[in-house]
Amino acid sequence: MKHVVLGLIACFSVTTSSFAQSTSGTLPRIAIAGLGIESSTFSPAVTQEEAFHARYSGEVFAAYPFMMGAAPLRKQAKWFPTVVGKSLPGGIVARNAYESLVGKMLDSLKKYGPYDGLYFDIHGAMSVQGLDDPEGDLITRIRNVVGYKTLISTSMDLHGNVSERLARNTDLMTCYRMAPHEDAMQTKERAVTNLLDRLKSGKGKPAYKALISVPILLPGEKTSTRIEPGKSLYQQVTPLADHQPGVVDASIWIGYAWADEPRNHAAVMVVGDDKTKVTQTAEKLARDFWTVRNQFDFVAPTGTLADVLTKAIASPNHPFYISDTGDNPTAGGAGDVTWTITEILKRPEFQKIDGPSLIYASIPDPAFVDKAVAAGVGGQVSGTAGAIVDHRFAPPVPLRGIVTAIQRGDKDAEVEVVVEVGSVSVIITRKRKPYHEEKDFTRLGLNPRTADIVVVKIGYLQPELYDMQKDWIMALTPGGVDQDLFRLPYKRIQHPMFPFDKNMKTPDLSAKLVPLSGTTK
């Protein structure tokens, strides 16, 4: 297997008429386009078009605070926003949904061209029915509209995947340097700034792009930048990327573990004008990643749900957070696996109203939500919830309790209700929703700071929850984003691949250069 993308650099002139205009005082013409989602191919869920909450034309600017109103970057170009859609992670994207969104994007691009530049805002882990490498397909189709003189700058999640086709068709590329992704907006701004700098200076396309495929596939919960070795590995990136003359940007991708495709693995990419620095930087980052591969471990203690619940009940540390990791909707889980809440409600400790207080977030089921709304706050409701999409691990969970809250208008959930069952407050939603912030709970009359136990469908805790927890364990539960990758039926990933092939030889991590977009060599 070739772990390193091969290619030869070709000379390429950047003194096109469009770049000449950019340096003569005329504002550059820059388009904005992108689609983003993490799609688990191990989940039975299918993602439809409405999940992307697509923004069109002027609405697109609202996705980028650094581009709003009179922001300095807004004044540096003539902008042509087309379509930007971002979905909550989920299952594979329906092909007709993808084609519809792409069609609208391409129609808009055709309408307002030509362009000096294009900002391409993607996640990098989208899977589409019947289509490998959707981001590579999308950027290729964009190139067919805007041509190869247009400078494309791409921003990605570090849990995205970088194929040779994607790398070849972009000119500038960067990704997040933190997990959790506290630098997401900073990364997007960097991609736009890099694009503007290259256009205004007249430098255009960087002369060299080195992409090294690193044969490692690990979940994000083992590669967080909060802990070692991810912390030190990623701390190298900023000085190497931002403070080396001749290097425009450098990135390390962990990759996305819950899709079974050949492109799913780690990667390093460096772009710039100094061949030696670009190649040496890429090789250093790739070698350092490979060297520490055996040191990666979960960002928090882990255990079976039964053991974790026993520890949480006995613990004096409150709130005690439990991550229900296998059905995490922010990694691609269906969100309606009922296995964990079923096991919780079986425990006698929670069957009495004066038992340990536990918040469970959450289970989507529109029919149960309708019943709770009909009963009203203070009313009693009974029925079953969940396991509509992913019923492989447990059937719908029986719930009988008092409705304590009803909230409408959430972007993801649409309608949320809370039902008190014994000492457990179960959040049920019309559509699946992640619970990452304190306000997600308090708007429902729940206080995650004073609860004994809070169970959330998540992997590593997002910053607000992490800061409030007094103890935390990740339960290794079943679902479409199972943290135990050895339990997943991979068939198409490349081998050898760490950690699946433990005795594999050290791969070739030498830098080979990806041809510039628009060249044939």
Protein backbone atom coordinates (compact mmCIF):
# COMPACT_ATOMS: atom_id res chain seq x y z
CA MET A 1 0.00 0.00 0.00
CA LYS A 2 1.21 3.50 -0.70
CA HIS A 3 0.95 5.64 2.38
CA VAL A 4 2.39 8.69 0.69
CA VAL A 5 0.65 10.61 -2.03
CA LEU A 6 2.91 10.65 -5.05
CA GLY A 7 3.34 13.43 -7.54
CA LEU A 8 5.79 15.80 -9.11
CA ILE A 9 5.67 19.55 -8.91
CA ALA A 10 5.35 21.49 -12.11
CA CYS A 11 6.20 25.10 -12.78
CA PHE A 12 3.11 27.22 -12.77
CA SER A 13 2.76 30.88 -13.60
CA VAL A 14 0.67 32.95 -11.19
CA THR A 15 0.83 36.13 -13.22
CA THR A 16 -2.69 35.70 -14.56
CA SER A 17 -4.90 38.64 -15.35
CA SER A 18 -6.99 38.03 -12.23
CA PHE A 19 -3.97 38.15 -9.91
CA ALA A 20 -2.71 41.21 -11.75
CA GLN A 21 -5.99 42.94 -10.99
CA SER A 22 -5.67 41.99 -7.31
CA THR A 23 -2.33 43.78 -7.01
CA SER A 24 -3.34 46.87 -8.99
CA GLY A 25 -5.80 48.23 -6.44
CA THR A 26 -8.95 46.44 -7.60
CA LEU A 27 -10.57 44.40 -4.84
CA PRO A 28 -10.26 40.67 -5.49
CA ARG A 29 -13.44 38.75 -6.29
CA ILE A 30 -13.82 35.88 -3.80
CA ALA A 31 -16.56 33.25 -3.59
CA ILE A 32 -17.53 31.31 -0.47
CA ALA A 33 -18.84 27.73 -0.59
CA GLY A 34 -18.86 24.61 1.54
CA LEU A 35 -20.67 21.62 3.03
CA GLY A 36 -19.75 20.03 6.33
CA ILE A 37 -20.74 16.89 8.22
CA GLU A 38 -19.21 13.88 9.94
CA SER A 39 -21.01 10.81 8.56
CA SER A 40 -20.79 7.43 10.25
CA THR A 41 -21.16 4.54 7.83
CA PHE A 42 -21.68 2.30 10.88
CA SER A 43 -24.95 4.06 11.74
CA PRO A 44 -28.24 3.14 10.04
CA ALA A 45 -29.25 6.81 9.95
CA VAL A 46 -29.48 8.70 6.66
CA THR A 47 -28.92 12.47 6.56
CA GLN A 48 -31.31 14.54 4.44
CA GLU A 49 -30.89 18.01 2.94
CA GLU A 50 -32.70 19.94 5.66
CA ALA A 51 -30.16 18.74 8.25
CA PHE A 52 -27.54 21.02 6.67
CA HIS A 53 -29.44 24.20 7.55
CA ALA A 54 -27.99 25.66 4.37
CA ARG A 55 -27.34 29.39 4.15
CA TYR A 56 -27.57 31.16 0.80
CA SER A 57 -26.08 34.37 -0.56
CA GLY A 58 -25.93 37.11 2.08
CA GLU A 59 -27.05 34.72 4.83
CA VAL A 60 -23.67 33.02 4.58
CA PHE A 61 -21.84 35.89 6.30
CA ALA A 62 -23.70 35.13 9.54
CA ALA A 63 -21.69 31.90 9.77
CA TYR A 64 -18.47 33.89 10.18
CA PRO A 65 -18.30 36.55 12.91
CA PHE A 66 -15.01 37.81 11.45
CA MET A 67 -16.90 38.67 8.23
CA MET A 68 -19.90 40.40 9.74
CA GLY A 69 -20.75 44.04 9.15
CA ALA A 70 -17.74 46.34 8.97
CA ALA A 71 -15.19 43.69 9.93
CA PRO A 72 -11.76 44.43 8.37
CA LEU A 73 -11.69 41.23 6.31
CA ARG A 74 -15.08 42.03 4.81
CA LYS A 75 -13.64 45.23 3.31
CA GLN A 76 -10.67 43.54 1.65
CA ALA A 77 -12.53 41.81 -1.18
CA LYS A 78 -15.69 41.71 -3.19
CA TRP A 79 -17.43 38.67 -1.76
CA PHE A 80 -19.76 36.23 -3.51
CA PRO A 81 -21.24 33.87 -0.92
CA THR A 82 -23.01 30.92 -2.57
CA VAL A 83 -24.08 27.98 -0.37
CA VAL A 84 -22.67 26.95 3.00
CA GLY A 85 -24.37 24.08 4.83
CA LYS A 86 -23.33 22.51 8.13
CA SER A 87 -25.12 19.48 9.56
CA LEU A 88 -24.98 17.94 12.98
CA PRO A 89 -22.89 14.77 12.53
CA GLY A 90 -25.01 11.81 11.53
CA GLY A 91 -25.39 8.93 9.16
CA ILE A 92 -24.49 8.75 5.51
CA VAL A 93 -25.87 11.61 3.39
CA ALA A 94 -28.64 10.76 0.94
CA ARG A 95 -27.31 11.09 -2.60
CA ASN A 96 -30.25 13.24 -3.71
CA ALA A 97 -29.64 15.60 -0.77
CA TYR A 98 -25.99 15.98 -1.72
CA GLU A 99 -26.76 16.52 -5.40
CA SER A 100 -29.41 19.10 -4.58
CA LEU A 101 -27.08 21.17 -2.40
CA VAL A 102 -24.17 20.85 -4.81
CA GLY A 103 -26.39 21.80 -7.72
CA LYS A 104 -27.49 25.00 -5.99
CA MET A 105 -23.88 25.82 -5.12
CA LEU A 106 -22.63 25.33 -8.68
CA ASP A 107 -25.53 27.31 -10.16
CA SER A 108 -24.66 30.23 -7.89
CA LEU A 109 -20.96 30.02 -8.75
CA LYS A 110 -21.77 30.05 -12.47
CA LYS A 111 -23.87 33.16 -12.03
CA TYR A 112 -21.25 35.48 -10.55
CA GLY A 113 -17.86 34.32 -11.89
CA PRO A 114 -15.06 34.79 -12.68
CA TYR A 115 -13.31 34.70 -9.31
CA ASP A 116 -9.82 35.48 -8.09
CA GLY A 117 -10.32 33.26 -5.06
CA LEU A 118 -12.71 30.89 -3.32
CA TYR A 119 -12.96 30.05 0.37
CA PHE A 120 -13.92 26.37 0.67
CA ASP A 121 -15.36 25.64 4.13
CA ILE A 122 -15.72 21.89 4.79
CA HIS A 123 -15.47 19.39 7.60
CA GLY A 124 -13.83 16.61 5.61
CA ALA A 125 -15.64 13.49 6.91
CA MET A 126 -18.78 13.50 4.77
CA SER A 127 -19.97 10.16 3.39
CA VAL A 128 -22.55 10.07 0.61
CA GLN A 129 -24.55 7.15 -0.72
CA GLY A 130 -22.77 5.62 -3.71
CA LEU A 131 -19.91 8.11 -3.64
CA ASP A 132 -16.41 7.81 -2.24
CA ASP A 133 -14.56 10.96 -1.23
CA PRO A 134 -17.44 13.50 -1.44
CA GLU A 135 -15.22 16.49 -0.59
CA GLY A 136 -12.88 15.48 -3.41
CA ASP A 137 -15.86 15.17 -5.72
CA LEU A 138 -17.23 18.55 -4.64
CA ILE A 139 -14.01 20.50 -5.11
CA THR A 140 -13.46 18.87 -8.51
CA ARG A 141 -16.92 19.96 -9.63
CA ILE A 142 -16.25 23.46 -8.29
CA ARG A 143 -13.01 23.55 -10.28
CA ASN A 144 -14.95 22.64 -13.42
CA VAL A 145 -16.97 25.84 -12.89
CA VAL A 146 -14.40 28.33 -11.57
CA GLY A 147 -11.36 27.01 -13.44
CA TYR A 148 -7.81 26.52 -12.22
CA LYS A 149 -6.67 30.12 -12.08
CA THR A 150 -8.98 30.72 -9.11
CA LEU A 151 -7.07 30.37 -5.84
CA ILE A 152 -8.91 28.02 -3.45
CA SER A 153 -8.27 28.09 0.30
CA THR A 154 -9.74 25.23 2.33
CA SER A 155 -10.44 24.98 6.08
CA MET A 156 -11.20 21.65 7.73
CA ASP A 157 -11.84 19.87 10.99
CA LEU A 158 -8.82 17.89 12.17
CA HIS A 159 -11.15 14.87 12.18
CA GLY A 160 -11.58 15.22 8.43
CA ASN A 161 -9.93 13.12 5.74
CA VAL A 162 -7.54 14.39 3.09
CA SER A 163 -7.62 12.51 -0.20
CA GLU A 164 -5.17 13.10 -3.02
CA ARG A 165 -7.99 14.56 -5.14
CA LEU A 166 -8.92 17.08 -2.44
CA ALA A 167 -5.28 18.03 -1.88
CA ARG A 168 -4.62 18.43 -5.57
CA ASN A 169 -7.59 20.69 -6.26
CA THR A 170 -7.06 23.07 -3.36
CA ASP A 171 -4.20 25.56 -3.22
CA LEU A 172 -4.13 26.46 0.47
CA MET A 173 -5.28 24.20 3.27
CA THR A 174 -5.52 24.41 7.04
CA CYS A 175 -7.31 22.58 9.84
CA TYR A 176 -8.12 22.94 13.52
CA ARG A 177 -5.25 22.66 15.98
CA MET A 178 -7.35 21.92 19.06
CA ALA A 179 -9.66 19.09 20.13
CA PRO A 180 -12.17 20.02 21.48
CA HIS A 181 -12.36 22.54 18.66
CA GLU A 182 -12.07 25.80 20.55
CA ASP A 183 -10.15 27.25 17.60
CA ALA A 184 -12.75 26.44 14.93
CA MET A 185 -13.56 30.03 14.02
CA GLN A 186 -9.92 31.05 14.31
CA THR A 187 -9.08 28.35 11.75
CA LYS A 188 -11.71 29.56 9.31
CA GLU A 189 -10.43 33.11 9.67
CA ARG A 190 -6.88 31.88 9.04
CA ALA A 191 -7.97 30.22 5.80
CA VAL A 192 -9.56 33.46 4.60
CA THR A 193 -6.57 35.54 5.69
CA ASN A 194 -4.16 33.21 3.90
CA LEU A 195 -6.25 33.54 0.75
CA LEU A 196 -6.33 37.33 0.89
CA ASP A 197 -2.62 37.57 1.62
CA ARG A 198 -1.72 35.45 -1.41
CA LEU A 199 -4.02 37.44 -3.67
CA LYS A 200 -3.00 40.89 -2.44
CA SER A 201 0.70 40.07 -2.64
CA GLY A 202 0.35 38.64 -6.14
CA LYS A 203 2.06 35.41 -5.03
CA GLY A 204 -0.96 33.29 -5.92
CA LYS A 205 -0.61 29.54 -5.61
CA PRO A 206 2.05 28.28 -3.20
CA ALA A 207 4.74 26.50 -5.21
CA TYR A 208 4.73 23.28 -3.16
CA LYS A 209 2.20 21.04 -1.43
CA ALA A 210 3.38 18.00 0.55
CA LEU A 211 0.77 15.47 1.67
CA ILE A 212 1.80 12.46 3.74
CA SER A 213 -0.80 9.80 4.52
CA VAL A 214 -0.10 8.41 7.99
CA PRO A 215 -1.53 4.89 8.49
CA ILE A 216 -3.12 5.54 11.88
CA LEU A 217 -6.85 5.41 12.64
CA LEU A 218 -7.88 6.48 16.13
CA PRO A 219 -11.00 8.03 17.66
CA GLY A 220 -10.91 11.67 18.65
CA GLU A 221 -11.39 10.69 22.29
CA LYS A 222 -7.90 9.17 22.22
CA THR A 223 -6.25 12.09 20.46
CA SER A 224 -7.47 15.13 22.37
CA THR A 225 -5.07 18.05 22.51
CA ARG A 226 -5.92 18.45 26.21
CA ILE A 227 -3.61 15.57 27.08
CA GLU A 228 -0.38 13.97 25.90
CA PRO A 229 0.76 13.02 23.38
CA GLY A 230 -1.77 15.00 21.30
CA LYS A 231 -1.05 18.14 23.29
CA SER A 232 2.67 18.27 22.45
CA LEU A 233 2.15 16.96 18.93
CA TYR A 234 -0.21 19.80 18.06
CA GLN A 235 1.77 22.45 19.94
CA GLN A 236 4.42 22.07 17.25
CA VAL A 237 2.05 23.08 14.48
CA THR A 238 1.64 26.80 15.12
CA PRO A 239 5.36 27.72 15.18
CA LEU A 240 6.09 25.50 12.17
CA ALA A 241 3.07 26.78 10.22
CA ASP A 242 2.95 30.45 11.12
CA HIS A 243 6.53 31.46 11.86
CA GLN A 244 8.62 29.81 9.17
CA PRO A 245 9.38 31.92 6.10
CA GLY A 246 8.57 29.86 3.04
CA VAL A 247 5.75 27.93 4.77
CA VAL A 248 2.17 29.19 4.42
CA ASP A 249 0.47 26.58 6.59
CA ALA A 250 0.93 23.14 8.12
CA SER A 251 -1.68 20.74 9.45
CA ILE A 252 -2.12 17.37 11.11
CA TRP A 253 -5.37 15.48 10.57
CA ILE A 254 -6.31 12.71 12.98
CA GLY A 255 -8.91 11.58 10.45
CA TYR A 256 -12.41 10.18 11.03
CA ALA A 257 -12.62 6.71 12.52
CA TRP A 258 -16.29 5.86 11.99
CA ALA A 259 -16.47 5.60 8.22
CA ASP A 260 -15.30 2.58 6.29
CA GLU A 261 -13.57 4.18 3.31
CA PRO A 262 -10.01 4.00 1.91
CA ARG A 263 -9.34 7.69 2.65
CA ASN A 264 -10.03 7.30 6.38
CA HIS A 265 -6.68 7.65 8.13
CA ALA A 266 -4.42 10.33 9.54
CA ALA A 267 -2.57 12.81 7.34
CA VAL A 268 -0.10 15.68 7.33
CA MET A 269 -0.06 18.47 4.76
CA VAL A 270 2.23 21.47 4.42
CA VAL A 271 2.00 24.19 1.76
CA GLY A 272 4.48 26.93 0.94
CA ASP A 273 7.08 28.34 -1.42
CA ASP A 274 10.27 26.86 0.05
CA LYS A 275 10.57 23.26 -1.14
CA THR A 276 13.02 22.20 1.55
CA LYS A 277 11.05 23.69 4.43
CA VAL A 278 7.74 22.35 3.13
CA THR A 279 9.02 18.79 2.78
CA GLN A 280 11.07 18.77 5.97
CA THR A 281 8.19 20.19 8.02
CA ALA A 282 5.76 17.59 6.66
CA GLU A 283 8.20 14.77 7.38
CA LYS A 284 8.88 15.98 10.91
CA LEU A 285 5.19 16.16 11.79
CA ALA A 286 4.46 12.77 10.23
CA ARG A 287 7.42 11.08 11.96
CA ASP A 288 6.53 12.62 15.31
CA PHE A 289 2.94 11.44 14.94
CA TRP A 290 4.05 7.92 14.11
CA THR A 291 6.56 7.83 16.96
CA VAL A 292 3.92 8.53 19.64
CA ARG A 293 1.20 6.28 18.18
CA ASN A 294 1.34 3.82 21.09
CA GLN A 295 1.01 6.60 23.67
CA PHE A 296 -2.51 7.69 22.70
CA ASP A 297 -5.15 6.80 25.25
CA PHE A 298 -8.62 7.95 26.19
CA VAL A 299 -8.91 11.50 27.44
CA ALA A 300 -10.81 10.26 30.52
CA PRO A 301 -11.14 7.03 32.47
CA THR A 302 -13.34 4.47 30.73
CA GLY A 303 -15.44 1.52 31.83
CA THR A 304 -18.54 -0.53 31.24
CA LEU A 305 -21.79 1.27 31.92
CA ALA A 306 -22.58 -0.99 34.90
CA ASP A 307 -19.24 -0.23 36.56
CA VAL A 308 -19.44 3.47 35.75
CA LEU A 309 -22.94 3.79 37.25
CA THR A 310 -21.83 2.02 40.41
CA LYS A 311 -18.89 4.41 40.79
CA ALA A 312 -21.06 7.45 40.09
CA ILE A 313 -23.68 6.46 42.67
CA ALA A 314 -21.04 5.88 45.33
CA SER A 315 -19.00 8.98 44.54
CA PRO A 316 -19.09 12.05 46.80
CA ASN A 317 -18.10 14.20 43.79
CA HIS A 318 -21.05 15.92 42.14
CA PRO A 319 -21.89 16.53 39.42
CA PHE A 320 -20.47 13.21 38.23
CA TYR A 321 -20.51 13.18 34.42
CA ILE A 322 -20.89 10.03 32.34
CA SER A 323 -20.29 10.10 28.59
CA ASP A 324 -22.61 7.72 26.72
CA THR A 325 -20.00 7.46 23.98
CA GLY A 326 -21.34 4.88 21.52
CA ASP A 327 -24.32 6.94 20.33
CA ASN A 328 -22.71 10.38 20.37
CA PRO A 329 -24.66 12.55 17.87
CA THR A 330 -21.70 14.93 17.55
CA ALA A 331 -19.57 12.11 16.15
CA GLY A 332 -22.21 10.64 13.84
CA GLY A 333 -24.39 8.49 16.10
CA ALA A 334 -28.11 8.20 15.38
CA GLY A 335 -28.79 9.64 18.84
CA ASP A 336 -31.76 7.37 19.58
CA VAL A 337 -30.02 4.25 20.88
CA THR A 338 -31.87 3.39 24.10
CA TRP A 339 -29.44 0.88 25.56
CA THR A 340 -27.96 3.22 28.17
CA ILE A 341 -31.19 4.81 29.43
CA THR A 342 -32.79 1.36 29.61
CA GLU A 343 -29.95 0.12 31.81
CA ILE A 344 -30.15 3.23 34.00
CA LEU A 345 -33.87 2.81 34.63
CA LYS A 346 -33.35 -0.83 35.61
CA ARG A 347 -31.20 0.23 38.55
CA PRO A 348 -33.21 0.22 41.80
CA GLU A 349 -31.32 3.30 43.03
CA PHE A 350 -33.07 5.46 40.43
CA GLN A 351 -36.57 4.02 40.73
CA LYS A 352 -37.43 6.10 43.81
CA ILE A 353 -38.05 9.83 43.54
CA ASP A 354 -35.60 10.45 46.42
CA GLY A 355 -32.83 8.43 44.77
CA PRO A 356 -29.67 9.98 43.28
CA SER A 357 -30.68 12.75 40.90
CA LEU A 358 -29.69 11.96 37.33
CA ILE A 359 -30.14 13.99 34.13
CA TYR A 360 -30.16 12.01 30.90
CA ALA A 361 -29.57 13.92 27.64
CA SER A 362 -31.21 12.75 25.48
CA ILE A 363 -33.53 10.56 23.36
CA PRO A 364 -35.29 11.77 20.17
CA ASP A 365 -38.84 10.59 19.58
CA PRO A 366 -41.41 12.96 18.01
CA ALA A 367 -44.44 10.84 18.94
CA PHE A 368 -43.50 10.75 22.62
CA VAL A 369 -42.85 14.50 22.55
CA ASP A 370 -46.37 15.02 21.18
CA LYS A 371 -47.78 12.96 24.06
CA ALA A 372 -45.85 14.98 26.61
CA VAL A 373 -46.96 18.28 25.07
CA ALA A 374 -50.57 17.07 25.18
CA ALA A 375 -50.19 16.13 28.85
CA GLY A 376 -48.65 19.53 29.67
CA VAL A 377 -46.24 20.51 32.40
CA GLY A 378 -47.28 18.73 35.59
CA GLY A 379 -49.20 16.08 33.68
CA GLN A 380 -48.36 12.39 33.57
CA VAL A 381 -47.23 10.77 30.34
CA SER A 382 -46.48 7.17 29.45
CA GLY A 383 -45.26 5.44 26.32
CA THR A 384 -42.08 4.29 24.65
CA ALA A 385 -39.30 6.44 23.23
CA GLY A 386 -36.28 6.06 20.97
CA ALA A 387 -34.88 3.20 18.88
CA ILE A 388 -36.67 4.45 15.78
CA VAL A 389 -33.54 4.70 13.65
CA ASP A 390 -31.01 2.58 15.52
CA HIS A 391 -32.75 -0.30 17.26
CA ARG A 392 -29.88 -2.80 17.00
CA PHE A 393 -28.95 -2.71 20.68
CA ALA A 394 -32.22 -2.16 22.58
CA PRO A 395 -35.91 -1.62 21.79
CA PRO A 396 -37.81 1.62 22.53
CA VAL A 397 -37.54 2.44 26.22
CA PRO A 398 -40.77 2.49 28.31
CA LEU A 399 -41.19 5.82 30.10
CA ARG A 400 -43.88 6.72 32.64
CA GLY A 401 -43.52 9.92 34.59
CA ILE A 402 -44.35 13.57 35.16
CA VAL A 403 -43.69 16.21 32.51
CA THR A 404 -41.56 18.91 34.13
CA ALA A 405 -40.66 21.08 31.13
CA ILE A 406 -41.62 21.82 27.53
CA GLN A 407 -39.49 24.06 25.31
CA ARG A 408 -39.96 24.95 21.65
CA GLY A 409 -37.74 26.59 19.08
CA ASP A 410 -34.37 24.89 19.42
CA LYS A 411 -32.50 24.79 16.08
CA ASP A 412 -31.69 21.09 16.35
CA ALA A 413 -34.27 19.59 18.72
CA GLU A 414 -37.22 21.78 17.62
CA VAL A 415 -39.22 20.69 20.70
CA GLU A 416 -37.77 19.42 23.99
CA VAL A 417 -39.57 17.89 26.94
CA VAL A 418 -38.37 16.64 30.31
CA VAL A 419 -40.03 13.68 31.98
CA GLU A 420 -39.25 12.77 35.57
CA VAL A 421 -39.10 9.00 36.02
CA GLY A 422 -38.17 8.13 39.59
CA SER A 423 -35.10 10.25 40.32
CA VAL A 424 -34.16 10.48 36.63
CA SER A 425 -34.94 13.52 34.48
CA VAL A 426 -35.07 12.23 30.89
CA ILE A 427 -34.84 14.77 28.06
CA ILE A 428 -36.83 13.73 24.99
CA THR A 429 -36.59 15.73 21.78
CA ARG A 430 -38.45 15.93 18.47
CA LYS A 431 -35.11 15.67 16.64
CA ARG A 432 -31.73 14.68 18.02
CA LYS A 433 -29.64 17.30 19.73
CA PRO A 434 -26.28 17.40 21.52
CA TYR A 435 -26.21 18.86 25.03
CA HIS A 436 -22.90 20.73 25.29
CA GLU A 437 -23.61 23.94 27.17
CA GLU A 438 -25.08 24.81 30.54
CA LYS A 439 -27.91 26.76 28.91
CA ASP A 440 -29.02 23.59 27.11
CA PHE A 441 -30.07 22.31 30.54
CA THR A 442 -31.06 25.45 32.41
CA ARG A 443 -33.58 26.48 29.73
CA LEU A 444 -35.35 23.22 30.63
CA GLY A 445 -35.35 23.98 34.35
CA LEU A 446 -32.50 21.54 34.99
CA ASN A 447 -29.36 22.41 36.92
CA PRO A 448 -26.39 20.30 35.78
CA ARG A 449 -24.22 21.80 38.55
CA THR A 450 -26.34 20.46 41.41
CA ALA A 451 -27.38 17.12 39.91
CA ASP A 452 -25.70 14.06 41.36
CA ILE A 453 -25.13 12.48 37.94
CA VAL A 454 -25.35 13.86 34.40
CA VAL A 455 -25.31 11.43 31.46
CA VAL A 456 -24.66 12.99 28.05
CA LYS A 457 -24.37 11.43 24.61
CA ILE A 458 -20.90 12.69 23.90
CA GLY A 459 -17.27 11.56 23.82
CA TYR A 460 -14.91 14.07 25.40
CA LEU A 461 -16.76 16.78 27.29
CA GLN A 462 -17.09 20.18 25.67
CA PRO A 463 -15.45 23.05 27.60
CA GLU A 464 -18.43 24.24 29.67
CA LEU A 465 -19.32 20.76 30.88
CA TYR A 466 -15.69 19.85 31.42
CA ASP A 467 -15.23 22.89 33.65
CA MET A 468 -18.23 22.08 35.85
CA GLN A 469 -17.70 18.33 36.32
CA LYS A 470 -16.26 17.09 39.60
CA ASP A 471 -15.64 13.64 38.17
CA TRP A 472 -16.06 12.11 34.74
CA ILE A 473 -15.90 8.68 33.12
CA MET A 474 -16.55 7.68 29.54
CA ALA A 475 -18.81 4.62 29.36
CA LEU A 476 -17.90 2.35 26.46
CA THR A 477 -21.44 1.86 25.19
CA PRO A 478 -22.69 0.44 21.88
CA GLY A 479 -23.77 2.52 18.89
CA GLY A 480 -22.79 3.82 15.47
CA VAL A 481 -19.68 5.53 16.85
CA ASP A 482 -18.47 2.79 19.18
CA GLN A 483 -15.20 3.85 20.81
CA ASP A 484 -13.93 0.28 20.62
CA LEU A 485 -12.93 0.32 16.95
CA PHE A 486 -12.18 -3.41 17.05
CA ARG A 487 -15.92 -4.05 17.40
CA LEU A 488 -16.67 -2.28 14.11
CA PRO A 489 -16.92 -4.27 10.84
CA TYR A 490 -14.32 -2.45 8.74
CA LYS A 491 -13.94 -3.86 5.24
CA ARG A 492 -12.54 -1.06 3.09
CA ILE A 493 -9.92 0.82 5.11
CA GLN A 494 -6.35 0.47 3.88
CA HIS A 495 -4.00 -2.00 5.52
CA PRO A 496 -1.63 -2.19 7.22
CA MET A 497 -3.18 0.33 9.62
CA PHE A 498 -2.39 1.06 13.25
CA PRO A 499 -3.76 -0.14 15.68
CA PHE A 500 -5.37 -2.98 13.70
CA ASP A 501 -2.06 -4.33 12.41
CA LYS A 502 0.12 -4.14 15.49
CA ASN A 503 3.27 -5.64 14.00
CA MET A 504 3.29 -3.50 10.87
CA LYS A 505 6.57 -2.12 9.59
CA THR A 506 7.37 1.56 9.83
CA PRO A 507 5.68 3.13 6.79
CA ASP A 508 7.32 5.38 4.23
CA LEU A 509 6.77 8.85 5.67
CA SER A 510 8.94 10.73 3.21
CA ALA A 511 7.34 13.76 1.61
CA LYS A 512 6.27 13.56 -2.01
CA LEU A 513 4.83 16.60 -3.67
CA VAL A 514 1.24 16.94 -4.84
CA PRO A 515 0.93 18.62 -8.24
CA LEU A 516 -0.51 22.10 -8.28
CA SER A 517 -4.16 22.36 -9.24
CA GLY A 518 -4.52 22.59 -12.98
CA THR A 519 -1.24 20.85 -13.83
CA THR A 520 -0.90 17.44 -15.41
CA LYS A 521 2.48 16.34 -14.07
